Amino acid sequence: MNIDMRNKKKVLIIDDSKISRLLIAKYLDDSYECCMADNGEEGWQILLEETSITLIFAAMDMPVLNGILLLERIRMSECERITNTPVIIITGYQDSETAKRASYAAGATDFISKPFIKSEIRSCARTFTIEGVADNTAETEVSRNVLRELDVNKQLAELGNNVISSAASNNDHASIMYIKIVNLDKLNDKHDGKIMDKLTDKVSALLEAHSRDEENVFIIGSGKYVITLPKTSAFKANIAANRLQLAIEKLSYQSANGTVRLRLAIGITSTESCDEVTEFLSFSEYCIEAQYALNMSMESKNNNVVRFDETYEKNIQSDYMQKDFPYRKQNSLKGNGGIKF
């Protein structure tokens, strides 16, 4: 089959290890056009000349110009195209927190350790190119924040990967729910902080109490939660989310400045768009989708529950997401389960 190279995303792989360069290119297979360099200076020259590069994999330790110095040069460039190019830093030090902090401090989009695996490389490529999340600054920032949250919450990332793997193995569904308390900062400013702490504790307890044994609730930020729902279709998750909103609205607390009432914004995504033709995405990619849906819920007038598939795939006016997530497609597999009430 002849593949039109003009339609392929161009990835720059910079590593002094030829084996590593070839392995990354192999993992990306024919979906991408790969350029290669064995040091940062050579990679920089390629980046200047090749204006269509959409993603860079760069080793941290390289001769001539290492990955961190190259990254700093990229982020300080006066060329917007270069400055905004996503850069994945590669290190040989497994789980090195120092290397990770240095990478992010220099402006890394993401960080991976050797030995890397195929799904990790492909997930980065899909996430940080137009084939995944849009390659402009605003959308890349969304995906970057989600990946950082998952990096901090390693238990969530591990369990979420297991949930997706199980769904793929069993030809079943799983859904991911992103939840945030609306206007929490304003409520904290208006009311006593201790009261708000009590109410957010009640929200956490309510989410836990209404979850089934196989479902897990994670706190990933101030007033922000993730729930993994195995064996649950988007439709069932949507019903559960609406019930959660109603349950939270019944919570109230009287403060010196009046009655405190809470409202949840909720975004949902599901694996049910995947079948024998469409590969399952990684857990991190589903989380990015759920975050997009949550953002839409936060922006809506009544904080309606937003399903990623309905918002982005069924809205024919949204060429924004048609461009960003072309690998997502509708499917009609059946599922069951969901949060109990």
C-alpha atoms as a PDB file:
ATOM      1  CA  MET A   1       0.000   0.000   0.000  1.00  0.00           C
ATOM      2  CA  ASN A   2       1.387   3.387  -0.991  1.00  0.00           C
ATOM      3  CA  ILE A   3       1.017   5.975   1.772  1.00  0.00           C
ATOM      4  CA  ASP A   4       0.851   9.657   0.907  1.00  0.00           C
ATOM      5  CA  MET A   5       3.788  11.168   2.809  1.00  0.00           C
ATOM      6  CA  ARG A   6       2.180  14.600   2.618  1.00  0.00           C
ATOM      7  CA  ASN A   7      -0.565  13.456   4.998  1.00  0.00           C
ATOM      8  CA  LYS A   8       1.783  11.980   7.581  1.00  0.00           C
ATOM      9  CA  LYS A   9       2.832  13.813  10.730  1.00  0.00           C
ATOM     10  CA  LYS A  10       6.564  14.476  10.866  1.00  0.00           C
ATOM     11  CA  VAL A  11       8.421  13.500  14.051  1.00  0.00           C
ATOM     12  CA  LEU A  12      12.028  14.379  14.890  1.00  0.00           C
ATOM     13  CA  ILE A  13      13.916  11.745  16.916  1.00  0.00           C
ATOM     14  CA  ILE A  14      17.177  12.924  18.510  1.00  0.00           C
ATOM     15  CA  ASP A  15      19.297  10.368  20.366  1.00  0.00           C
ATOM     16  CA  ASP A  16      22.960   9.380  20.192  1.00  0.00           C
ATOM     17  CA  SER A  17      21.831   5.748  20.394  1.00  0.00           C
ATOM     18  CA  LYS A  18      21.039   4.456  16.917  1.00  0.00           C
ATOM     19  CA  ILE A  19      19.135   1.555  18.453  1.00  0.00           C
ATOM     20  CA  SER A  20      16.873   3.940  20.382  1.00  0.00           C
ATOM     21  CA  ARG A  21      16.229   6.075  17.294  1.00  0.00           C
ATOM     22  CA  LEU A  22      15.314   3.072  15.163  1.00  0.00           C
ATOM     23  CA  LEU A  23      13.164   1.573  17.921  1.00  0.00           C
ATOM     24  CA  ILE A  24      11.087   4.740  18.302  1.00  0.00           C
ATOM     25  CA  ALA A  25      10.677   4.951  14.526  1.00  0.00           C
ATOM     26  CA  LYS A  26       9.631   1.297  14.448  1.00  0.00           C
ATOM     27  CA  TYR A  27       7.037   1.867  17.170  1.00  0.00           C
ATOM     28  CA  LEU A  28       5.624   4.848  15.275  1.00  0.00           C
ATOM     29  CA  ASP A  29       5.500   2.633  12.137  1.00  0.00           C
ATOM     30  CA  ASP A  30       4.012   3.984   8.895  1.00  0.00           C
ATOM     31  CA  SER A  31       1.685   6.430  10.655  1.00  0.00           C
ATOM     32  CA  TYR A  32       4.464   9.024  10.909  1.00  0.00           C
ATOM     33  CA  GLU A  33       7.376  10.327   8.902  1.00  0.00           C
ATOM     34  CA  CYS A  34      10.495  10.245  11.064  1.00  0.00           C
ATOM     35  CA  CYS A  35      13.582  12.461  10.856  1.00  0.00           C
ATOM     36  CA  MET A  36      16.624  11.460  12.920  1.00  0.00           C
ATOM     37  CA  ALA A  37      19.651  13.113  14.494  1.00  0.00           C
ATOM     38  CA  ASP A  38      22.349  11.769  16.821  1.00  0.00           C
ATOM     39  CA  ASN A  39      22.942  14.963  18.824  1.00  0.00           C
ATOM     40  CA  GLY A  40      21.094  18.114  19.826  1.00  0.00           C
ATOM     41  CA  GLU A  41      22.955  20.451  17.478  1.00  0.00           C
ATOM     42  CA  GLU A  42      22.150  18.313  14.448  1.00  0.00           C
ATOM     43  CA  GLY A  43      18.543  18.048  15.643  1.00  0.00           C
ATOM     44  CA  TRP A  44      18.349  21.849  15.958  1.00  0.00           C
ATOM     45  CA  GLN A  45      19.489  22.328  12.370  1.00  0.00           C
ATOM     46  CA  ILE A  46      16.853  19.851  11.162  1.00  0.00           C
ATOM     47  CA  LEU A  47      14.193  21.682  13.179  1.00  0.00           C
ATOM     48  CA  LEU A  48      15.176  24.971  11.529  1.00  0.00           C
ATOM     49  CA  GLU A  49      14.968  23.482   8.049  1.00  0.00           C
ATOM     50  CA  GLU A  50      11.972  21.138   8.383  1.00  0.00           C
ATOM     51  CA  THR A  51       9.006  23.432   9.004  1.00  0.00           C
ATOM     52  CA  SER A  52       6.464  20.597   9.198  1.00  0.00           C
ATOM     53  CA  ILE A  53       7.874  18.851  12.303  1.00  0.00           C
ATOM     54  CA  THR A  54       5.046  18.435  14.824  1.00  0.00           C
ATOM     55  CA  LEU A  55       6.777  16.519  17.648  1.00  0.00           C
ATOM     56  CA  ILE A  56      10.294  15.942  18.994  1.00  0.00           C
ATOM     57  CA  PHE A  57      11.684  13.019  20.981  1.00  0.00           C
ATOM     58  CA  ALA A  58      15.030  14.097  22.475  1.00  0.00           C
ATOM     59  CA  ALA A  59      17.406  12.180  24.737  1.00  0.00           C
ATOM     60  CA  MET A  60      18.518  14.022  27.847  1.00  0.00           C
ATOM     61  CA  ASP A  61      22.158  12.881  27.609  1.00  0.00           C
ATOM     62  CA  MET A  62      23.772  13.480  24.205  1.00  0.00           C
ATOM     63  CA  PRO A  63      27.120  14.776  22.924  1.00  0.00           C
ATOM     64  CA  VAL A  64      27.597  18.264  21.424  1.00  0.00           C
ATOM     65  CA  LEU A  65      24.238  19.591  22.715  1.00  0.00           C
ATOM     66  CA  ASN A  66      22.240  17.631  25.294  1.00  0.00           C
ATOM     67  CA  GLY A  67      18.467  17.382  25.466  1.00  0.00           C
ATOM     68  CA  ILE A  68      17.966  19.984  28.200  1.00  0.00           C
ATOM     69  CA  LEU A  69      20.092  22.615  26.460  1.00  0.00           C
ATOM     70  CA  LEU A  70      18.324  21.863  23.186  1.00  0.00           C
ATOM     71  CA  LEU A  71      14.966  22.198  24.913  1.00  0.00           C
ATOM     72  CA  GLU A  72      15.948  25.562  26.406  1.00  0.00           C
ATOM     73  CA  ARG A  73      17.040  26.754  22.951  1.00  0.00           C
ATOM     74  CA  ILE A  74      13.701  25.640  21.490  1.00  0.00           C
ATOM     75  CA  ARG A  75      11.628  27.390  24.158  1.00  0.00           C
ATOM     76  CA  MET A  76      13.675  30.598  23.825  1.00  0.00           C
ATOM     77  CA  SER A  77      13.378  30.675  20.031  1.00  0.00           C
ATOM     78  CA  GLU A  78      11.815  33.755  18.459  1.00  0.00           C
ATOM     79  CA  CYS A  79      10.085  31.479  15.942  1.00  0.00           C
ATOM     80  CA  GLU A  80       6.622  30.623  17.268  1.00  0.00           C
ATOM     81  CA  ARG A  81       6.515  27.384  15.293  1.00  0.00           C
ATOM     82  CA  ILE A  82       9.680  26.150  17.020  1.00  0.00           C
ATOM     83  CA  THR A  83       8.809  27.484  20.470  1.00  0.00           C
ATOM     84  CA  ASN A  84       5.448  25.681  20.531  1.00  0.00           C
ATOM     85  CA  THR A  85       6.712  22.332  19.228  1.00  0.00           C
ATOM     86  CA  PRO A  86       5.983  19.560  21.778  1.00  0.00           C
ATOM     87  CA  VAL A  87       9.188  17.993  23.121  1.00  0.00           C
ATOM     88  CA  ILE A  88       9.327  14.601  24.840  1.00  0.00           C
ATOM     89  CA  ILE A  89      12.511  14.196  26.887  1.00  0.00           C
ATOM     90  CA  ILE A  90      13.969  10.673  27.074  1.00  0.00           C
ATOM     91  CA  THR A  91      16.215   9.567  29.911  1.00  0.00           C
ATOM     92  CA  GLY A  92      17.985   6.337  30.747  1.00  0.00           C
ATOM     93  CA  TYR A  93      17.428   6.859  34.444  1.00  0.00           C
ATOM     94  CA  GLN A  94      14.302   4.975  35.449  1.00  0.00           C
ATOM     95  CA  ASP A  95      11.923   7.080  37.539  1.00  0.00           C
ATOM     96  CA  SER A  96      14.522   9.788  38.127  1.00  0.00           C
ATOM     97  CA  GLU A  97      12.645  12.578  39.867  1.00  0.00           C
ATOM     98  CA  THR A  98      15.600  14.943  39.474  1.00  0.00           C
ATOM     99  CA  ALA A  99      15.724  14.365  35.714  1.00  0.00           C
ATOM    100  CA  LYS A 100      11.966  14.738  35.491  1.00  0.00           C
ATOM    101  CA  ARG A 101      11.946  18.039  37.375  1.00  0.00           C
ATOM    102  CA  ALA A 102      14.792  19.365  35.234  1.00  0.00           C
ATOM    103  CA  SER A 103      12.904  18.406  32.077  1.00  0.00           C
ATOM    104  CA  TYR A 104       9.679  20.105  33.090  1.00  0.00           C
ATOM    105  CA  ALA A 105      11.543  23.154  34.391  1.00  0.00           C
ATOM    106  CA  ALA A 106      13.138  23.569  30.965  1.00  0.00           C
ATOM    107  CA  GLY A 107       9.741  23.323  29.270  1.00  0.00           C
ATOM    108  CA  ALA A 108       9.369  19.639  28.407  1.00  0.00           C
ATOM    109  CA  THR A 109       5.943  18.595  27.191  1.00  0.00           C
ATOM    110  CA  ASP A 110       6.380  15.124  28.637  1.00  0.00           C
ATOM    111  CA  PHE A 111       9.050  12.784  29.977  1.00  0.00           C
ATOM    112  CA  ILE A 112       9.669   9.066  29.364  1.00  0.00           C
ATOM    113  CA  SER A 113      12.303   6.662  30.678  1.00  0.00           C
ATOM    114  CA  LYS A 114      14.158   3.846  28.944  1.00  0.00           C
ATOM    115  CA  PRO A 115      13.360   1.094  28.324  1.00  0.00           C
ATOM    116  CA  PHE A 116      10.204   2.508  26.700  1.00  0.00           C
ATOM    117  CA  ILE A 117       7.386   0.447  25.263  1.00  0.00           C
ATOM    118  CA  LYS A 118       5.396   0.736  22.045  1.00  0.00           C
ATOM    119  CA  SER A 119       2.150   1.907  23.646  1.00  0.00           C
ATOM    120  CA  GLU A 120       3.994   4.692  25.498  1.00  0.00           C
ATOM    121  CA  ILE A 121       5.653   6.013  22.334  1.00  0.00           C
ATOM    122  CA  ARG A 122       2.446   5.828  20.296  1.00  0.00           C
ATOM    123  CA  SER A 123       0.451   7.454  23.083  1.00  0.00           C
ATOM    124  CA  CYS A 124       2.852  10.415  23.162  1.00  0.00           C
ATOM    125  CA  ALA A 125       2.700  10.735  19.395  1.00  0.00           C
ATOM    126  CA  ARG A 126      -1.091  10.639  19.275  1.00  0.00           C
ATOM    127  CA  THR A 127      -1.434  12.976  22.235  1.00  0.00           C
ATOM    128  CA  PHE A 128       0.950  15.697  21.101  1.00  0.00           C
ATOM    129  CA  THR A 129       0.319  15.870  17.360  1.00  0.00           C
ATOM    130  CA  ILE A 130      -2.772  16.857  15.406  1.00  0.00           C
ATOM    131  CA  GLU A 131      -3.589  13.151  15.180  1.00  0.00           C
ATOM    132  CA  GLY A 132      -4.214  13.340  18.897  1.00  0.00           C
ATOM    133  CA  VAL A 133      -4.577  16.681  20.648  1.00  0.00           C
ATOM    134  CA  ALA A 134      -4.193  19.813  18.526  1.00  0.00           C
ATOM    135  CA  ASP A 135      -0.643  21.066  18.294  1.00  0.00           C
ATOM    136  CA  ASN A 136      -1.366  24.672  19.257  1.00  0.00           C
ATOM    137  CA  THR A 137      -0.440  26.039  22.670  1.00  0.00           C
ATOM    138  CA  ALA A 138      -3.913  26.083  24.282  1.00  0.00           C
ATOM    139  CA  GLU A 139      -4.824  22.470  23.500  1.00  0.00           C
ATOM    140  CA  THR A 140      -1.333  21.156  24.211  1.00  0.00           C
ATOM    141  CA  GLU A 141      -1.526  22.782  27.643  1.00  0.00           C
ATOM    142  CA  VAL A 142      -4.686  20.790  28.424  1.00  0.00           C
ATOM    143  CA  SER A 143      -3.023  17.487  27.595  1.00  0.00           C
ATOM    144  CA  ARG A 144       0.153  18.495  29.417  1.00  0.00           C
ATOM    145  CA  ASN A 145      -1.775  19.283  32.607  1.00  0.00           C
ATOM    146  CA  VAL A 146      -3.651  15.987  32.456  1.00  0.00           C
ATOM    147  CA  LEU A 147      -0.441  14.006  32.010  1.00  0.00           C
ATOM    148  CA  ARG A 148       1.146  15.820  34.941  1.00  0.00           C
ATOM    149  CA  GLU A 149      -1.846  15.001  37.122  1.00  0.00           C
ATOM    150  CA  LEU A 150      -1.482  11.344  36.185  1.00  0.00           C
ATOM    151  CA  ASP A 151       2.237  11.468  36.866  1.00  0.00           C
ATOM    152  CA  VAL A 152       1.552  12.721  40.392  1.00  0.00           C
ATOM    153  CA  ASN A 153      -1.288  10.236  40.907  1.00  0.00           C
ATOM    154  CA  LYS A 154       0.567   7.044  39.999  1.00  0.00           C
ATOM    155  CA  GLN A 155      -2.052   4.807  41.629  1.00  0.00           C
ATOM    156  CA  LEU A 156      -4.755   6.340  39.419  1.00  0.00           C
ATOM    157  CA  ALA A 157      -2.597   5.902  36.309  1.00  0.00           C
ATOM    158  CA  GLU A 158      -1.845   2.268  37.136  1.00  0.00           C
ATOM    159  CA  LEU A 159      -5.431   1.377  37.970  1.00  0.00           C
ATOM    160  CA  GLY A 160      -6.759   3.288  34.960  1.00  0.00           C
ATOM    161  CA  ASN A 161      -4.429   1.424  32.612  1.00  0.00           C
ATOM    162  CA  ASN A 162      -5.687  -1.852  34.089  1.00  0.00           C
ATOM    163  CA  VAL A 163      -9.303  -0.795  33.567  1.00  0.00           C
ATOM    164  CA  ILE A 164      -8.688   0.033  29.903  1.00  0.00           C
ATOM    165  CA  SER A 165      -6.670  -3.147  29.328  1.00  0.00           C
ATOM    166  CA  SER A 166      -9.435  -5.246  30.867  1.00  0.00           C
ATOM    167  CA  ALA A 167     -12.071  -3.581  28.692  1.00  0.00           C
ATOM    168  CA  ALA A 168      -9.977  -4.217  25.578  1.00  0.00           C
ATOM    169  CA  SER A 169      -9.310  -7.862  26.501  1.00  0.00           C
ATOM    170  CA  ASN A 170     -12.935  -8.622  27.307  1.00  0.00           C
ATOM    171  CA  ASN A 171     -14.494  -6.622  24.457  1.00  0.00           C
ATOM    172  CA  ASP A 172     -16.291  -4.607  27.120  1.00  0.00           C
ATOM    173  CA  HIS A 173     -16.785  -0.953  28.018  1.00  0.00           C
ATOM    174  CA  ALA A 174     -15.237   1.362  30.562  1.00  0.00           C
ATOM    175  CA  SER A 175     -15.951   5.017  31.236  1.00  0.00           C
ATOM    176  CA  ILE A 176     -13.924   7.809  32.817  1.00  0.00           C
ATOM    177  CA  MET A 177     -15.610  10.639  34.713  1.00  0.00           C
ATOM    178  CA  TYR A 178     -13.883  13.962  35.451  1.00  0.00           C
ATOM    179  CA  ILE A 179     -15.589  16.021  38.164  1.00  0.00           C
ATOM    180  CA  LYS A 180     -14.967  19.499  39.560  1.00  0.00           C
ATOM    181  CA  ILE A 181     -16.765  21.633  42.134  1.00  0.00           C
ATOM    182  CA  VAL A 182     -17.904  24.768  40.321  1.00  0.00           C
ATOM    183  CA  ASN A 183     -16.553  28.158  41.455  1.00  0.00           C
ATOM    184  CA  LEU A 184     -14.745  26.657  44.451  1.00  0.00           C
ATOM    185  CA  ASP A 185     -12.216  29.516  44.580  1.00  0.00           C
ATOM    186  CA  LYS A 186     -14.998  32.130  44.745  1.00  0.00           C
ATOM    187  CA  LEU A 187     -16.809  30.150  47.424  1.00  0.00           C
ATOM    188  CA  ASN A 188     -13.587  29.947  49.448  1.00  0.00           C
ATOM    189  CA  ASP A 189     -13.168  33.717  49.184  1.00  0.00           C
ATOM    190  CA  LYS A 190     -16.735  34.385  50.302  1.00  0.00           C
ATOM    191  CA  HIS A 191     -17.107  31.812  53.060  1.00  0.00           C
ATOM    192  CA  ASP A 192     -14.989  30.536  55.908  1.00  0.00           C
ATOM    193  CA  GLY A 193     -12.270  28.165  54.703  1.00  0.00           C
ATOM    194  CA  LYS A 194     -13.077  25.589  57.385  1.00  0.00           C
ATOM    195  CA  ILE A 195     -16.680  25.417  56.197  1.00  0.00           C
ATOM    196  CA  MET A 196     -15.558  24.832  52.645  1.00  0.00           C
ATOM    197  CA  ASP A 197     -13.170  22.126  53.801  1.00  0.00           C
ATOM    198  CA  LYS A 198     -16.058  20.368  55.516  1.00  0.00           C
ATOM    199  CA  LEU A 199     -18.210  20.586  52.403  1.00  0.00           C
ATOM    200  CA  THR A 200     -15.499  19.290  50.088  1.00  0.00           C
ATOM    201  CA  ASP A 201     -14.947  16.421  52.531  1.00  0.00           C
ATOM    202  CA  LYS A 202     -18.673  15.690  52.269  1.00  0.00           C
ATOM    203  CA  VAL A 203     -18.423  15.679  48.473  1.00  0.00           C
ATOM    204  CA  SER A 204     -15.572  13.165  48.626  1.00  0.00           C
ATOM    205  CA  ALA A 205     -17.507  10.981  51.061  1.00  0.00           C
ATOM    206  CA  LEU A 206     -20.642  11.152  48.909  1.00  0.00           C
ATOM    207  CA  LEU A 207     -18.730  10.137  45.781  1.00  0.00           C
ATOM    208  CA  GLU A 208     -17.202   7.201  47.633  1.00  0.00           C
ATOM    209  CA  ALA A 209     -20.530   6.166  49.152  1.00  0.00           C
ATOM    210  CA  HIS A 210     -22.277   6.131  45.783  1.00  0.00           C
ATOM    211  CA  SER A 211     -19.581   4.155  43.991  1.00  0.00           C
ATOM    212  CA  ARG A 212     -19.707   0.435  43.364  1.00  0.00           C
ATOM    213  CA  ASP A 213     -16.966  -1.873  44.652  1.00  0.00           C
ATOM    214  CA  GLU A 214     -15.233  -2.067  41.273  1.00  0.00           C
ATOM    215  CA  GLU A 215     -15.283   1.721  40.795  1.00  0.00           C
ATOM    216  CA  ASN A 216     -12.617   4.005  42.220  1.00  0.00           C
ATOM    217  CA  VAL A 217     -12.690   7.668  43.192  1.00  0.00           C
ATOM    218  CA  PHE A 218      -9.481   9.713  43.128  1.00  0.00           C
ATOM    219  CA  ILE A 219      -8.881  13.274  44.307  1.00  0.00           C
ATOM    220  CA  ILE A 220      -6.540  14.938  41.790  1.00  0.00           C
ATOM    221  CA  GLY A 221      -6.795  18.567  42.852  1.00  0.00           C
ATOM    222  CA  SER A 222      -8.720  21.053  44.961  1.00  0.00           C
ATOM    223  CA  GLY A 223     -12.359  20.074  44.442  1.00  0.00           C
ATOM    224  CA  LYS A 224     -11.409  17.917  41.450  1.00  0.00           C
ATOM    225  CA  TYR A 225     -12.012  14.169  41.144  1.00  0.00           C
ATOM    226  CA  VAL A 226     -11.678  11.266  38.723  1.00  0.00           C
ATOM    227  CA  ILE A 227     -13.876   8.178  38.812  1.00  0.00           C
ATOM    228  CA  THR A 228     -13.030   5.048  36.827  1.00  0.00           C
ATOM    229  CA  LEU A 229     -16.100   3.000  35.882  1.00  0.00           C
ATOM    230  CA  PRO A 230     -15.364  -0.501  34.549  1.00  0.00           C
ATOM    231  CA  LYS A 231     -18.089  -2.279  32.535  1.00  0.00           C
ATOM    232  CA  THR A 232     -19.970   0.999  32.104  1.00  0.00           C
ATOM    233  CA  SER A 233     -21.170   2.550  28.851  1.00  0.00           C
ATOM    234  CA  ALA A 234     -21.186   6.303  28.270  1.00  0.00           C
ATOM    235  CA  PHE A 235     -24.979   6.256  28.491  1.00  0.00           C
ATOM    236  CA  LYS A 236     -24.936   4.614  31.935  1.00  0.00           C
ATOM    237  CA  ALA A 237     -22.148   6.909  33.098  1.00  0.00           C
ATOM    238  CA  ASN A 238     -24.169   9.912  31.935  1.00  0.00           C
ATOM    239  CA  ILE A 239     -27.161   8.800  34.017  1.00  0.00           C
ATOM    240  CA  ALA A 240     -24.924   8.296  37.047  1.00  0.00           C
ATOM    241  CA  ALA A 241     -23.338  11.724  36.578  1.00  0.00           C
ATOM    242  CA  ASN A 242     -26.699  13.501  36.499  1.00  0.00           C
ATOM    243  CA  ARG A 243     -27.711  11.722  39.688  1.00  0.00           C
ATOM    244  CA  LEU A 244     -24.451  12.762  41.297  1.00  0.00           C
ATOM    245  CA  GLN A 245     -25.132  16.385  40.427  1.00  0.00           C
ATOM    246  CA  LEU A 246     -28.580  16.184  42.026  1.00  0.00           C
ATOM    247  CA  ALA A 247     -27.171  14.542  45.160  1.00  0.00           C
ATOM    248  CA  ILE A 248     -24.497  17.237  45.565  1.00  0.00           C
ATOM    249  CA  GLU A 249     -27.034  20.027  45.095  1.00  0.00           C
ATOM    250  CA  LYS A 250     -28.817  18.791  48.216  1.00  0.00           C
ATOM    251  CA  LEU A 251     -25.710  19.547  50.269  1.00  0.00           C
ATOM    252  CA  SER A 252     -25.801  22.926  51.972  1.00  0.00           C
ATOM    253  CA  TYR A 253     -24.179  24.676  54.903  1.00  0.00           C
ATOM    254  CA  GLN A 254     -25.070  27.870  56.714  1.00  0.00           C
ATOM    255  CA  SER A 255     -22.241  30.346  57.134  1.00  0.00           C
ATOM    256  CA  ALA A 256     -22.055  33.904  58.404  1.00  0.00           C
ATOM    257  CA  ASN A 257     -22.231  35.065  54.789  1.00  0.00           C
ATOM    258  CA  GLY A 258     -25.259  32.996  53.846  1.00  0.00           C
ATOM    259  CA  THR A 259     -26.099  29.523  52.652  1.00  0.00           C
ATOM    260  CA  VAL A 260     -23.354  27.613  50.850  1.00  0.00           C
ATOM    261  CA  ARG A 261     -24.523  25.377  47.993  1.00  0.00           C
ATOM    262  CA  LEU A 262     -22.345  23.335  45.707  1.00  0.00           C
ATOM    263  CA  ARG A 263     -22.616  22.337  42.076  1.00  0.00           C
ATOM    264  CA  LEU A 264     -20.581  19.835  40.088  1.00  0.00           C
ATOM    265  CA  ALA A 265     -19.338  20.124  36.518  1.00  0.00           C
ATOM    266  CA  ILE A 266     -18.817  16.664  35.010  1.00  0.00           C
ATOM    267  CA  GLY A 267     -17.149  15.443  31.819  1.00  0.00           C
ATOM    268  CA  ILE A 268     -17.364  11.839  30.596  1.00  0.00           C
ATOM    269  CA  THR A 269     -15.626   9.702  28.014  1.00  0.00           C
ATOM    270  CA  SER A 270     -15.903   6.004  27.194  1.00  0.00           C
ATOM    271  CA  THR A 271     -14.114   3.208  25.363  1.00  0.00           C
ATOM    272  CA  GLU A 272     -17.261   2.245  23.456  1.00  0.00           C
ATOM    273  CA  SER A 273     -16.185   4.027  20.278  1.00  0.00           C
ATOM    274  CA  CYS A 274     -13.488   1.350  19.900  1.00  0.00           C
ATOM    275  CA  ASP A 275     -13.986  -1.956  18.131  1.00  0.00           C
ATOM    276  CA  GLU A 276     -11.977  -4.484  16.150  1.00  0.00           C
ATOM    277  CA  VAL A 277     -11.063  -1.752  13.649  1.00  0.00           C
ATOM    278  CA  THR A 278     -10.433   1.181  15.994  1.00  0.00           C
ATOM    279  CA  GLU A 279      -7.710   0.589  18.572  1.00  0.00           C
ATOM    280  CA  PHE A 280      -8.377   1.350  22.215  1.00  0.00           C
ATOM    281  CA  LEU A 281      -6.668   4.522  23.321  1.00  0.00           C
ATOM    282  CA  SER A 282      -4.381   4.735  26.333  1.00  0.00           C
ATOM    283  CA  PHE A 283      -5.847   5.676  29.707  1.00  0.00           C
ATOM    284  CA  SER A 284      -4.100   9.052  29.536  1.00  0.00           C
ATOM    285  CA  GLU A 285      -5.772   9.800  26.195  1.00  0.00           C
ATOM    286  CA  TYR A 286      -9.191   8.975  27.616  1.00  0.00           C
ATOM    287  CA  CYS A 287      -8.409  11.299  30.544  1.00  0.00           C
ATOM    288  CA  ILE A 288      -7.568  14.091  28.097  1.00  0.00           C
ATOM    289  CA  GLU A 289     -10.926  13.537  26.397  1.00  0.00           C
ATOM    290  CA  ALA A 290     -12.702  13.624  29.763  1.00  0.00           C
ATOM    291  CA  GLN A 291     -10.877  16.850  30.645  1.00  0.00           C
ATOM    292  CA  TYR A 292     -12.068  18.465  27.417  1.00  0.00           C
ATOM    293  CA  ALA A 293     -15.610  17.397  28.266  1.00  0.00           C
ATOM    294  CA  LEU A 294     -15.217  18.744  31.816  1.00  0.00           C
ATOM    295  CA  ASN A 295     -14.001  22.084  30.457  1.00  0.00           C
ATOM    296  CA  MET A 296     -17.121  22.278  28.310  1.00  0.00           C
ATOM    297  CA  SER A 297     -19.289  21.465  31.331  1.00  0.00           C
ATOM    298  CA  MET A 298     -17.533  24.188  33.347  1.00  0.00           C
ATOM    299  CA  GLU A 299     -18.232  26.708  30.582  1.00  0.00           C
ATOM    300  CA  SER A 300     -21.881  25.778  30.047  1.00  0.00           C
ATOM    301  CA  LYS A 301     -24.565  27.946  31.622  1.00  0.00           C
ATOM    302  CA  ASN A 302     -26.025  25.250  33.875  1.00  0.00           C
ATOM    303  CA  ASN A 303     -22.928  23.057  34.112  1.00  0.00           C
ATOM    304  CA  ASN A 304     -24.658  20.282  32.214  1.00  0.00           C
ATOM    305  CA  VAL A 305     -23.004  16.871  32.160  1.00  0.00           C
ATOM    306  CA  VAL A 306     -20.970  16.642  28.942  1.00  0.00           C
ATOM    307  CA  ARG A 307     -20.173  13.436  27.082  1.00  0.00           C
ATOM    308  CA  PHE A 308     -17.058  13.638  24.944  1.00  0.00           C
ATOM    309  CA  ASP A 309     -18.590  11.645  22.082  1.00  0.00           C
ATOM    310  CA  GLU A 310     -21.736  13.768  21.903  1.00  0.00           C
ATOM    311  CA  THR A 311     -19.962  17.082  22.272  1.00  0.00           C
ATOM    312  CA  TYR A 312     -17.145  16.485  19.824  1.00  0.00           C
ATOM    313  CA  GLU A 313     -18.187  13.711  17.457  1.00  0.00           C
ATOM    314  CA  LYS A 314     -21.870  14.424  16.943  1.00  0.00           C
ATOM    315  CA  ASN A 315     -21.599  18.209  16.687  1.00  0.00           C
ATOM    316  CA  ILE A 316     -21.055  18.683  12.950  1.00  0.00           C
ATOM    317  CA  GLN A 317     -20.240  22.353  13.463  1.00  0.00           C
ATOM    318  CA  SER A 318     -17.227  21.479  15.608  1.00  0.00           C
ATOM    319  CA  ASP A 319     -14.448  21.185  13.045  1.00  0.00           C
ATOM    320  CA  TYR A 320     -12.156  21.979  15.981  1.00  0.00           C
ATOM    321  CA  MET A 321     -12.511  18.507  17.442  1.00  0.00           C
ATOM    322  CA  GLN A 322     -12.891  16.791  14.092  1.00  0.00           C
ATOM    323  CA  LYS A 323      -9.389  18.033  13.454  1.00  0.00           C
ATOM    324  CA  ASP A 324      -8.080  17.136  16.898  1.00  0.00           C
ATOM    325  CA  PHE A 325      -9.479  13.635  17.348  1.00  0.00           C
ATOM    326  CA  PRO A 326      -9.960  12.027  13.913  1.00  0.00           C
ATOM    327  CA  TYR A 327      -9.212   8.554  15.283  1.00  0.00           C
ATOM    328  CA  ARG A 328     -12.407   8.578  17.385  1.00  0.00           C
ATOM    329  CA  LYS A 329     -15.508   7.124  15.790  1.00  0.00           C
ATOM    330  CA  GLN A 330     -18.961   6.084  16.943  1.00  0.00           C
ATOM    331  CA  ASN A 331     -19.837   2.509  17.742  1.00  0.00           C
ATOM    332  CA  SER A 332     -22.927   0.927  19.242  1.00  0.00           C
ATOM    333  CA  LEU A 333     -21.635  -1.794  21.573  1.00  0.00           C
ATOM    334  CA  LYS A 334     -23.723  -2.387  24.656  1.00  0.00           C
ATOM    335  CA  GLY A 335     -22.589  -1.962  28.251  1.00  0.00           C
ATOM    336  CA  ASN A 336     -23.915  -2.048  31.778  1.00  0.00           C
ATOM    337  CA  GLY A 337     -23.038  -1.047  35.293  1.00  0.00           C
ATOM    338  CA  GLY A 338     -22.434   2.429  36.704  1.00  0.00           C
ATOM    339  CA  ILE A 339     -22.470   4.291  39.967  1.00  0.00           C
ATOM    340  CA  LYS A 340     -25.193   3.039  42.275  1.00  0.00           C
ATOM    341  CA  PHE A 341     -27.805   5.197  43.977  1.00  0.00           C
END
